[in-house]
């Protein structure tokens, strides 16, 4: 059924003007996190009111986006229904113990779909490899939906891509890649001393390479086949938080290898 502009106006459903664009969730999440840090027991309308005071370009239509974000945080366990014994259901809600830990430590970044990837990409000096980006983003979504095995498996795939990128930077044209990630890691470790890096940086890279090995081994057996394993929430959370360091090390190694080849 076609709805005319006249019918829309009669029903009070005035279409958005160009100046009444809905704020993006990426803009709203940091504001909501800041409000929750200050006020751990509140309700939907109170959050919307405070966001309106914080955001210069807030419009009344943005309330729907705020409600969507609050609902996502409820599903993810950052928030729970109820404010106190007298107001135990929605629209009242409170920050859970887990949510408080995330807000205080900064680990709430994992619950921000956009900021986590933005910060990861900002840690390197060139565009992030699209394969790594795709798998890391999927791993983050797996974590937020409670599928921690998917998180670790996807990060393992992204980790293998990191290893392949470093090995590929020293591979001769036409030379085949490594048979598995273990062979690739051994090749990288043999290469490290020749890069003439500061000792502290070389040791740090060694630790990150070992971290990559452990990450991949979580979901693979000795023959590089998938393992039937249970992954705890904290394990998946820790892996996501540390993975940007592995990506940074990957790009730093590739950059140093390229500089050496040009010298």
C-alpha atoms as a PDB file:
ATOM      1  CA  UNK A   1       0.000   0.000   0.000  1.00  0.00           C
ATOM      2  CA  UNK A   2       1.371   3.401  -0.972  1.00  0.00           C
ATOM      3  CA  UNK A   3       1.253   6.054   1.749  1.00  0.00           C
ATOM      4  CA  UNK A   4       0.980   9.616   0.568  1.00  0.00           C
ATOM      5  CA  UNK A   5       2.800  12.548   2.137  1.00  0.00           C
ATOM      6  CA  UNK A   6      -0.631  13.971   3.034  1.00  0.00           C
ATOM      7  CA  UNK A   7      -1.550  10.753   4.895  1.00  0.00           C
ATOM      8  CA  UNK A   8       1.795  10.763   6.731  1.00  0.00           C
ATOM      9  CA  UNK A   9       1.268  14.345   7.900  1.00  0.00           C
ATOM     10  CA  UNK A  10      -2.335  13.669   8.963  1.00  0.00           C
ATOM     11  CA  UNK A  11      -1.192  10.732  11.101  1.00  0.00           C
ATOM     12  CA  UNK A  12       1.537  12.822  12.671  1.00  0.00           C
ATOM     13  CA  UNK A  13       4.273  10.740  11.013  1.00  0.00           C
ATOM     14  CA  UNK A  14       6.227  13.640   9.590  1.00  0.00           C
ATOM     15  CA  UNK A  15       9.232  12.337   7.601  1.00  0.00           C
ATOM     16  CA  UNK A  16      12.696  13.275   8.762  1.00  0.00           C
ATOM     17  CA  UNK A  17      14.129  16.413   7.261  1.00  0.00           C
ATOM     18  CA  UNK A  18      17.753  16.579   6.202  1.00  0.00           C
ATOM     19  CA  UNK A  19      18.574  18.324   9.471  1.00  0.00           C
ATOM     20  CA  UNK A  20      16.797  15.629  11.541  1.00  0.00           C
ATOM     21  CA  UNK A  21      19.060  12.697  10.788  1.00  0.00           C
ATOM     22  CA  UNK A  22      19.202   9.913  13.366  1.00  0.00           C
ATOM     23  CA  UNK A  23      22.508   9.685  15.223  1.00  0.00           C
ATOM     24  CA  UNK A  24      24.624   6.652  14.489  1.00  0.00           C
ATOM     25  CA  UNK A  25      24.941   3.960  17.173  1.00  0.00           C
ATOM     26  CA  UNK A  26      28.692   4.471  17.083  1.00  0.00           C
ATOM     27  CA  UNK A  27      28.118   8.023  18.349  1.00  0.00           C
ATOM     28  CA  UNK A  28      25.584   6.997  20.971  1.00  0.00           C
ATOM     29  CA  UNK A  29      27.356   4.049  22.626  1.00  0.00           C
ATOM     30  CA  UNK A  30      30.234   6.037  24.225  1.00  0.00           C
ATOM     31  CA  UNK A  31      27.695   8.503  25.656  1.00  0.00           C
ATOM     32  CA  UNK A  32      25.603   5.683  27.120  1.00  0.00           C
ATOM     33  CA  UNK A  33      28.697   4.031  28.605  1.00  0.00           C
ATOM     34  CA  UNK A  34      29.663   7.322  30.258  1.00  0.00           C
ATOM     35  CA  UNK A  35      26.165   7.688  31.735  1.00  0.00           C
ATOM     36  CA  UNK A  36      26.234   4.118  33.069  1.00  0.00           C
ATOM     37  CA  UNK A  37      29.594   4.768  34.746  1.00  0.00           C
ATOM     38  CA  UNK A  38      28.026   7.644  36.658  1.00  0.00           C
ATOM     39  CA  UNK A  39      24.636   6.085  37.323  1.00  0.00           C
ATOM     40  CA  UNK A  40      24.463   2.307  37.646  1.00  0.00           C
ATOM     41  CA  UNK A  41      20.733   2.209  38.483  1.00  0.00           C
ATOM     42  CA  UNK A  42      18.461   4.067  36.101  1.00  0.00           C
ATOM     43  CA  UNK A  43      15.759   3.696  33.428  1.00  0.00           C
ATOM     44  CA  UNK A  44      15.341   4.172  29.699  1.00  0.00           C
ATOM     45  CA  UNK A  45      13.870   7.667  29.732  1.00  0.00           C
ATOM     46  CA  UNK A  46      16.545   8.923  32.123  1.00  0.00           C
ATOM     47  CA  UNK A  47      19.312   7.672  29.820  1.00  0.00           C
ATOM     48  CA  UNK A  48      17.657   9.257  26.791  1.00  0.00           C
ATOM     49  CA  UNK A  49      17.334  12.556  28.705  1.00  0.00           C
ATOM     50  CA  UNK A  50      21.025  12.552  29.657  1.00  0.00           C
ATOM     51  CA  UNK A  51      22.120  11.673  26.132  1.00  0.00           C
ATOM     52  CA  UNK A  52      20.042  14.600  24.871  1.00  0.00           C
ATOM     53  CA  UNK A  53      22.009  16.905  27.172  1.00  0.00           C
ATOM     54  CA  UNK A  54      25.378  15.481  26.096  1.00  0.00           C
ATOM     55  CA  UNK A  55      24.895  15.288  22.328  1.00  0.00           C
ATOM     56  CA  UNK A  56      24.708  18.465  20.276  1.00  0.00           C
ATOM     57  CA  UNK A  57      22.980  16.800  17.322  1.00  0.00           C
ATOM     58  CA  UNK A  58      20.473  14.704  19.298  1.00  0.00           C
ATOM     59  CA  UNK A  59      16.942  14.443  17.878  1.00  0.00           C
ATOM     60  CA  UNK A  60      13.884  12.809  19.439  1.00  0.00           C
ATOM     61  CA  UNK A  61      14.098  10.001  16.868  1.00  0.00           C
ATOM     62  CA  UNK A  62      17.439   8.949  18.385  1.00  0.00           C
ATOM     63  CA  UNK A  63      15.580   7.538  21.392  1.00  0.00           C
ATOM     64  CA  UNK A  64      14.879   4.386  19.373  1.00  0.00           C
ATOM     65  CA  UNK A  65      18.602   3.829  18.792  1.00  0.00           C
ATOM     66  CA  UNK A  66      19.244   4.326  22.500  1.00  0.00           C
ATOM     67  CA  UNK A  67      16.625   1.687  23.317  1.00  0.00           C
ATOM     68  CA  UNK A  68      18.262  -0.711  20.841  1.00  0.00           C
ATOM     69  CA  UNK A  69      21.669  -0.240  22.476  1.00  0.00           C
ATOM     70  CA  UNK A  70      20.225  -0.729  25.969  1.00  0.00           C
ATOM     71  CA  UNK A  71      18.523  -3.927  24.801  1.00  0.00           C
ATOM     72  CA  UNK A  72      21.800  -5.208  23.310  1.00  0.00           C
ATOM     73  CA  UNK A  73      23.566  -4.569  26.632  1.00  0.00           C
ATOM     74  CA  UNK A  74      20.795  -6.414  28.480  1.00  0.00           C
ATOM     75  CA  UNK A  75      21.202  -9.445  26.221  1.00  0.00           C
ATOM     76  CA  UNK A  76      25.008  -9.297  26.612  1.00  0.00           C
ATOM     77  CA  UNK A  77      24.827  -9.281  30.422  1.00  0.00           C
ATOM     78  CA  UNK A  78      26.182  -5.757  30.943  1.00  0.00           C
ATOM     79  CA  UNK A  79      22.759  -4.669  32.206  1.00  0.00           C
ATOM     80  CA  UNK A  80      19.864  -6.476  33.908  1.00  0.00           C
ATOM     81  CA  UNK A  81      16.212  -5.480  34.447  1.00  0.00           C
ATOM     82  CA  UNK A  82      15.223  -3.684  37.647  1.00  0.00           C
ATOM     83  CA  UNK A  83      16.515  -0.754  39.630  1.00  0.00           C
ATOM     84  CA  UNK A  84      15.687  -1.828  43.195  1.00  0.00           C
ATOM     85  CA  UNK A  85      13.193  -3.990  45.120  1.00  0.00           C
ATOM     86  CA  UNK A  86      10.369  -1.576  44.272  1.00  0.00           C
ATOM     87  CA  UNK A  87      11.215  -1.333  40.568  1.00  0.00           C
ATOM     88  CA  UNK A  88      12.286  -4.806  39.512  1.00  0.00           C
ATOM     89  CA  UNK A  89      11.323  -4.793  35.833  1.00  0.00           C
ATOM     90  CA  UNK A  90      11.919  -2.738  32.708  1.00  0.00           C
ATOM     91  CA  UNK A  91      12.057   0.133  31.871  1.00  0.00           C
ATOM     92  CA  UNK A  92      14.201   0.229  35.025  1.00  0.00           C
ATOM     93  CA  UNK A  93      17.579  -1.510  34.822  1.00  0.00           C
ATOM     94  CA  UNK A  94      20.940  -1.700  36.574  1.00  0.00           C
ATOM     95  CA  UNK A  95      24.569  -2.390  35.684  1.00  0.00           C
ATOM     96  CA  UNK A  96      25.521  -5.973  36.554  1.00  0.00           C
ATOM     97  CA  UNK A  97      28.680  -6.937  38.412  1.00  0.00           C
ATOM     98  CA  UNK A  98      30.177  -8.007  35.096  1.00  0.00           C
ATOM     99  CA  UNK A  99      29.111  -4.697  33.542  1.00  0.00           C
ATOM    100  CA  UNK A 100      30.758  -2.725  36.352  1.00  0.00           C
ATOM    101  CA  UNK A 101      34.022  -4.598  35.812  1.00  0.00           C
ATOM    102  CA  UNK A 102      33.920  -3.846  32.071  1.00  0.00           C
ATOM    103  CA  UNK A 103      33.109  -0.158  32.565  1.00  0.00           C
ATOM    104  CA  UNK A 104      35.825   0.342  35.183  1.00  0.00           C
ATOM    105  CA  UNK A 105      38.567  -1.590  33.348  1.00  0.00           C
ATOM    106  CA  UNK A 106      37.850  -0.360  29.834  1.00  0.00           C
ATOM    107  CA  UNK A 107      36.901  -3.875  28.704  1.00  0.00           C
ATOM    108  CA  UNK A 108      33.514  -2.429  27.760  1.00  0.00           C
ATOM    109  CA  UNK A 109      35.197  -1.730  24.406  1.00  0.00           C
ATOM    110  CA  UNK A 110      34.364  -5.326  23.424  1.00  0.00           C
ATOM    111  CA  UNK A 111      30.695  -4.367  23.652  1.00  0.00           C
ATOM    112  CA  UNK A 112      31.200  -1.504  21.201  1.00  0.00           C
ATOM    113  CA  UNK A 113      30.945  -2.992  17.706  1.00  0.00           C
ATOM    114  CA  UNK A 114      32.594   0.008  16.070  1.00  0.00           C
ATOM    115  CA  UNK A 115      35.158   1.263  18.584  1.00  0.00           C
ATOM    116  CA  UNK A 116      36.954  -2.064  19.033  1.00  0.00           C
ATOM    117  CA  UNK A 117      37.737  -2.379  15.328  1.00  0.00           C
ATOM    118  CA  UNK A 118      38.472   1.344  15.045  1.00  0.00           C
ATOM    119  CA  UNK A 119      41.099   1.128  17.794  1.00  0.00           C
ATOM    120  CA  UNK A 120      42.583  -2.027  16.281  1.00  0.00           C
ATOM    121  CA  UNK A 121      42.956  -0.332  12.901  1.00  0.00           C
ATOM    122  CA  UNK A 122      44.358   2.804  14.533  1.00  0.00           C
ATOM    123  CA  UNK A 123      47.207   0.768  16.046  1.00  0.00           C
ATOM    124  CA  UNK A 124      48.790   0.191  12.623  1.00  0.00           C
ATOM    125  CA  UNK A 125      50.042   2.642   9.995  1.00  0.00           C
ATOM    126  CA  UNK A 126      48.250   1.143   6.991  1.00  0.00           C
ATOM    127  CA  UNK A 127      44.865  -0.359   6.105  1.00  0.00           C
ATOM    128  CA  UNK A 128      44.036  -3.533   8.010  1.00  0.00           C
ATOM    129  CA  UNK A 129      44.112  -6.717   5.965  1.00  0.00           C
ATOM    130  CA  UNK A 130      40.468  -7.443   4.968  1.00  0.00           C
ATOM    131  CA  UNK A 131      40.713 -11.114   5.965  1.00  0.00           C
ATOM    132  CA  UNK A 132      41.920 -10.231   9.467  1.00  0.00           C
ATOM    133  CA  UNK A 133      39.252  -7.545   9.753  1.00  0.00           C
ATOM    134  CA  UNK A 134      36.448  -9.878   8.680  1.00  0.00           C
ATOM    135  CA  UNK A 135      37.430 -12.675  11.061  1.00  0.00           C
ATOM    136  CA  UNK A 136      38.089 -10.406  14.033  1.00  0.00           C
ATOM    137  CA  UNK A 137      34.761  -8.646  13.580  1.00  0.00           C
ATOM    138  CA  UNK A 138      32.989 -12.021  13.384  1.00  0.00           C
ATOM    139  CA  UNK A 139      34.872 -13.156  16.511  1.00  0.00           C
ATOM    140  CA  UNK A 140      33.656 -10.068  18.371  1.00  0.00           C
ATOM    141  CA  UNK A 141      30.063 -10.794  17.326  1.00  0.00           C
ATOM    142  CA  UNK A 142      30.472 -14.388  18.461  1.00  0.00           C
ATOM    143  CA  UNK A 143      31.652 -13.188  21.868  1.00  0.00           C
ATOM    144  CA  UNK A 144      28.738 -10.783  22.277  1.00  0.00           C
ATOM    145  CA  UNK A 145      26.254 -13.542  21.424  1.00  0.00           C
ATOM    146  CA  UNK A 146      27.852 -15.909  23.962  1.00  0.00           C
ATOM    147  CA  UNK A 147      29.462 -18.247  21.411  1.00  0.00           C
ATOM    148  CA  UNK A 148      32.972 -18.338  22.866  1.00  0.00           C
ATOM    149  CA  UNK A 149      34.138 -21.331  20.818  1.00  0.00           C
ATOM    150  CA  UNK A 150      33.298 -19.377  17.661  1.00  0.00           C
ATOM    151  CA  UNK A 151      35.245 -16.418  19.055  1.00  0.00           C
ATOM    152  CA  UNK A 152      38.390 -18.483  19.591  1.00  0.00           C
ATOM    153  CA  UNK A 153      38.079 -20.365  16.306  1.00  0.00           C
ATOM    154  CA  UNK A 154      37.673 -17.178  14.304  1.00  0.00           C
ATOM    155  CA  UNK A 155      40.554 -15.474  16.113  1.00  0.00           C
ATOM    156  CA  UNK A 156      42.680 -18.547  15.365  1.00  0.00           C
ATOM    157  CA  UNK A 157      41.922 -18.084  11.667  1.00  0.00           C
ATOM    158  CA  UNK A 158      42.826 -14.404  11.909  1.00  0.00           C
ATOM    159  CA  UNK A 159      46.010 -15.382  13.771  1.00  0.00           C
ATOM    160  CA  UNK A 160      47.004 -17.761  10.990  1.00  0.00           C
ATOM    161  CA  UNK A 161      46.538 -14.922   8.543  1.00  0.00           C
ATOM    162  CA  UNK A 162      48.903 -12.785  10.651  1.00  0.00           C
ATOM    163  CA  UNK A 163      51.564 -15.505  10.508  1.00  0.00           C
ATOM    164  CA  UNK A 164      51.083 -15.980   6.768  1.00  0.00           C
ATOM    165  CA  UNK A 165      51.488 -12.230   6.194  1.00  0.00           C
ATOM    166  CA  UNK A 166      54.872 -12.193   7.944  1.00  0.00           C
ATOM    167  CA  UNK A 167      56.096 -15.345   6.195  1.00  0.00           C
ATOM    168  CA  UNK A 168      54.795 -14.021   2.884  1.00  0.00           C
ATOM    169  CA  UNK A 169      56.905 -10.890   3.231  1.00  0.00           C
ATOM    170  CA  UNK A 170      60.099 -12.993   3.053  1.00  0.00           C
ATOM    171  CA  UNK A 171      58.794 -15.592   0.604  1.00  0.00           C
ATOM    172  CA  UNK A 172      60.412 -15.634  -2.832  1.00  0.00           C
ATOM    173  CA  UNK A 173      58.181 -15.167  -5.852  1.00  0.00           C
ATOM    174  CA  UNK A 174      56.618 -18.495  -6.794  1.00  0.00           C
ATOM    175  CA  UNK A 175      57.607 -20.106  -3.489  1.00  0.00           C
ATOM    176  CA  UNK A 176      54.837 -22.016  -1.755  1.00  0.00           C
ATOM    177  CA  UNK A 177      53.563 -20.995   1.654  1.00  0.00           C
ATOM    178  CA  UNK A 178      54.145 -22.854   4.909  1.00  0.00           C
ATOM    179  CA  UNK A 179      52.351 -26.146   5.454  1.00  0.00           C
ATOM    180  CA  UNK A 180      50.950 -24.981   8.808  1.00  0.00           C
ATOM    181  CA  UNK A 181      51.168 -22.210  11.365  1.00  0.00           C
ATOM    182  CA  UNK A 182      53.803 -24.045  13.435  1.00  0.00           C
ATOM    183  CA  UNK A 183      56.208 -24.127  10.487  1.00  0.00           C
ATOM    184  CA  UNK A 184      55.495 -20.464   9.845  1.00  0.00           C
ATOM    185  CA  UNK A 185      56.205 -19.498  13.454  1.00  0.00           C
ATOM    186  CA  UNK A 186      59.517 -21.376  13.409  1.00  0.00           C
ATOM    187  CA  UNK A 187      60.521 -19.527  10.260  1.00  0.00           C
ATOM    188  CA  UNK A 188      59.642 -16.171  11.824  1.00  0.00           C
ATOM    189  CA  UNK A 189      61.581 -16.935  15.023  1.00  0.00           C
ATOM    190  CA  UNK A 190      64.668 -17.839  12.961  1.00  0.00           C
ATOM    191  CA  UNK A 191      64.284 -14.553  11.117  1.00  0.00           C
ATOM    192  CA  UNK A 192      63.965 -12.293  14.187  1.00  0.00           C
ATOM    193  CA  UNK A 193      67.713 -12.021  15.078  1.00  0.00           C
ATOM    194  CA  UNK A 194      68.577 -10.906  11.533  1.00  0.00           C
ATOM    195  CA  UNK A 195      66.239  -7.907  11.755  1.00  0.00           C
ATOM    196  CA  UNK A 196      68.596  -6.223  14.264  1.00  0.00           C
ATOM    197  CA  UNK A 197      65.727  -4.982  16.404  1.00  0.00           C
ATOM    198  CA  UNK A 198      66.254  -3.568  19.901  1.00  0.00           C
ATOM    199  CA  UNK A 199      66.456  -6.469  22.351  1.00  0.00           C
ATOM    200  CA  UNK A 200      63.376  -5.359  24.301  1.00  0.00           C
ATOM    201  CA  UNK A 201      61.291  -5.124  21.125  1.00  0.00           C
ATOM    202  CA  UNK A 202      62.542  -8.498  19.912  1.00  0.00           C
ATOM    203  CA  UNK A 203      61.622 -10.117  23.237  1.00  0.00           C
ATOM    204  CA  UNK A 204      58.174  -8.507  23.100  1.00  0.00           C
ATOM    205  CA  UNK A 205      57.643  -9.833  19.590  1.00  0.00           C
ATOM    206  CA  UNK A 206      58.717 -13.280  20.756  1.00  0.00           C
ATOM    207  CA  UNK A 207      56.079 -13.181  23.492  1.00  0.00           C
ATOM    208  CA  UNK A 208      53.392 -12.097  21.037  1.00  0.00           C
ATOM    209  CA  UNK A 209      54.333 -14.868  18.624  1.00  0.00           C
ATOM    210  CA  UNK A 210      54.038 -17.370  21.476  1.00  0.00           C
ATOM    211  CA  UNK A 211      50.665 -15.822  22.296  1.00  0.00           C
ATOM    212  CA  UNK A 212      49.540 -16.398  18.716  1.00  0.00           C
ATOM    213  CA  UNK A 213      50.661 -20.022  18.928  1.00  0.00           C
ATOM    214  CA  UNK A 214      48.711 -20.571  22.152  1.00  0.00           C
ATOM    215  CA  UNK A 215      45.653 -18.851  20.720  1.00  0.00           C
ATOM    216  CA  UNK A 216      45.546 -21.101  17.660  1.00  0.00           C
ATOM    217  CA  UNK A 217      46.329 -24.230  19.705  1.00  0.00           C
ATOM    218  CA  UNK A 218      43.229 -23.614  21.852  1.00  0.00           C
ATOM    219  CA  UNK A 219      40.978 -24.945  19.111  1.00  0.00           C
ATOM    220  CA  UNK A 220      43.363 -27.179  17.091  1.00  0.00           C
ATOM    221  CA  UNK A 221      44.976 -30.530  17.830  1.00  0.00           C
ATOM    222  CA  UNK A 222      48.538 -31.601  17.008  1.00  0.00           C
ATOM    223  CA  UNK A 223      47.506 -32.318  13.416  1.00  0.00           C
ATOM    224  CA  UNK A 224      45.912 -28.874  12.990  1.00  0.00           C
ATOM    225  CA  UNK A 225      42.399 -30.308  13.102  1.00  0.00           C
ATOM    226  CA  UNK A 226      39.528 -28.731  15.092  1.00  0.00           C
ATOM    227  CA  UNK A 227      39.282 -29.855  18.722  1.00  0.00           C
ATOM    228  CA  UNK A 228      36.090 -30.441  20.705  1.00  0.00           C
ATOM    229  CA  UNK A 229      36.742 -28.012  23.534  1.00  0.00           C
ATOM    230  CA  UNK A 230      34.785 -25.817  25.928  1.00  0.00           C
ATOM    231  CA  UNK A 231      35.835 -22.159  25.957  1.00  0.00           C
ATOM    232  CA  UNK A 232      35.159 -20.033  29.035  1.00  0.00           C
ATOM    233  CA  UNK A 233      33.922 -16.467  28.840  1.00  0.00           C
ATOM    234  CA  UNK A 234      37.117 -15.087  30.375  1.00  0.00           C
ATOM    235  CA  UNK A 235      39.281 -16.982  27.886  1.00  0.00           C
ATOM    236  CA  UNK A 236      37.450 -15.537  24.888  1.00  0.00           C
ATOM    237  CA  UNK A 237      37.371 -12.077  26.469  1.00  0.00           C
ATOM    238  CA  UNK A 238      41.109 -12.116  27.145  1.00  0.00           C
ATOM    239  CA  UNK A 239      41.873 -13.327  23.626  1.00  0.00           C
ATOM    240  CA  UNK A 240      39.890 -10.496  22.056  1.00  0.00           C
ATOM    241  CA  UNK A 241      41.509  -7.894  24.297  1.00  0.00           C
ATOM    242  CA  UNK A 242      45.072  -9.012  23.523  1.00  0.00           C
ATOM    243  CA  UNK A 243      44.614  -9.747  19.814  1.00  0.00           C
ATOM    244  CA  UNK A 244      45.205  -6.119  18.687  1.00  0.00           C
ATOM    245  CA  UNK A 245      48.747  -6.455  20.104  1.00  0.00           C
ATOM    246  CA  UNK A 246      49.343  -9.462  17.862  1.00  0.00           C
ATOM    247  CA  UNK A 247      48.107  -7.516  14.849  1.00  0.00           C
ATOM    248  CA  UNK A 248      50.388  -4.604  15.746  1.00  0.00           C
ATOM    249  CA  UNK A 249      53.350  -6.994  16.005  1.00  0.00           C
ATOM    250  CA  UNK A 250      52.447  -8.520  12.628  1.00  0.00           C
ATOM    251  CA  UNK A 251      52.530  -5.179  10.843  1.00  0.00           C
ATOM    252  CA  UNK A 252      55.673  -4.091  12.677  1.00  0.00           C
ATOM    253  CA  UNK A 253      57.465  -7.256  11.584  1.00  0.00           C
ATOM    254  CA  UNK A 254      56.336  -6.914   7.969  1.00  0.00           C
ATOM    255  CA  UNK A 255      57.461  -3.287   7.956  1.00  0.00           C
ATOM    256  CA  UNK A 256      60.905  -4.166   9.347  1.00  0.00           C
ATOM    257  CA  UNK A 257      61.332  -6.992   6.843  1.00  0.00           C
ATOM    258  CA  UNK A 258      60.459  -4.659   3.978  1.00  0.00           C
ATOM    259  CA  UNK A 259      62.901  -2.027   5.257  1.00  0.00           C
ATOM    260  CA  UNK A 260      65.641  -4.637   5.440  1.00  0.00           C
ATOM    261  CA  UNK A 261      64.979  -5.793   1.870  1.00  0.00           C
ATOM    262  CA  UNK A 262      65.213  -2.203   0.612  1.00  0.00           C
ATOM    263  CA  UNK A 263      68.490  -1.532   2.427  1.00  0.00           C
END
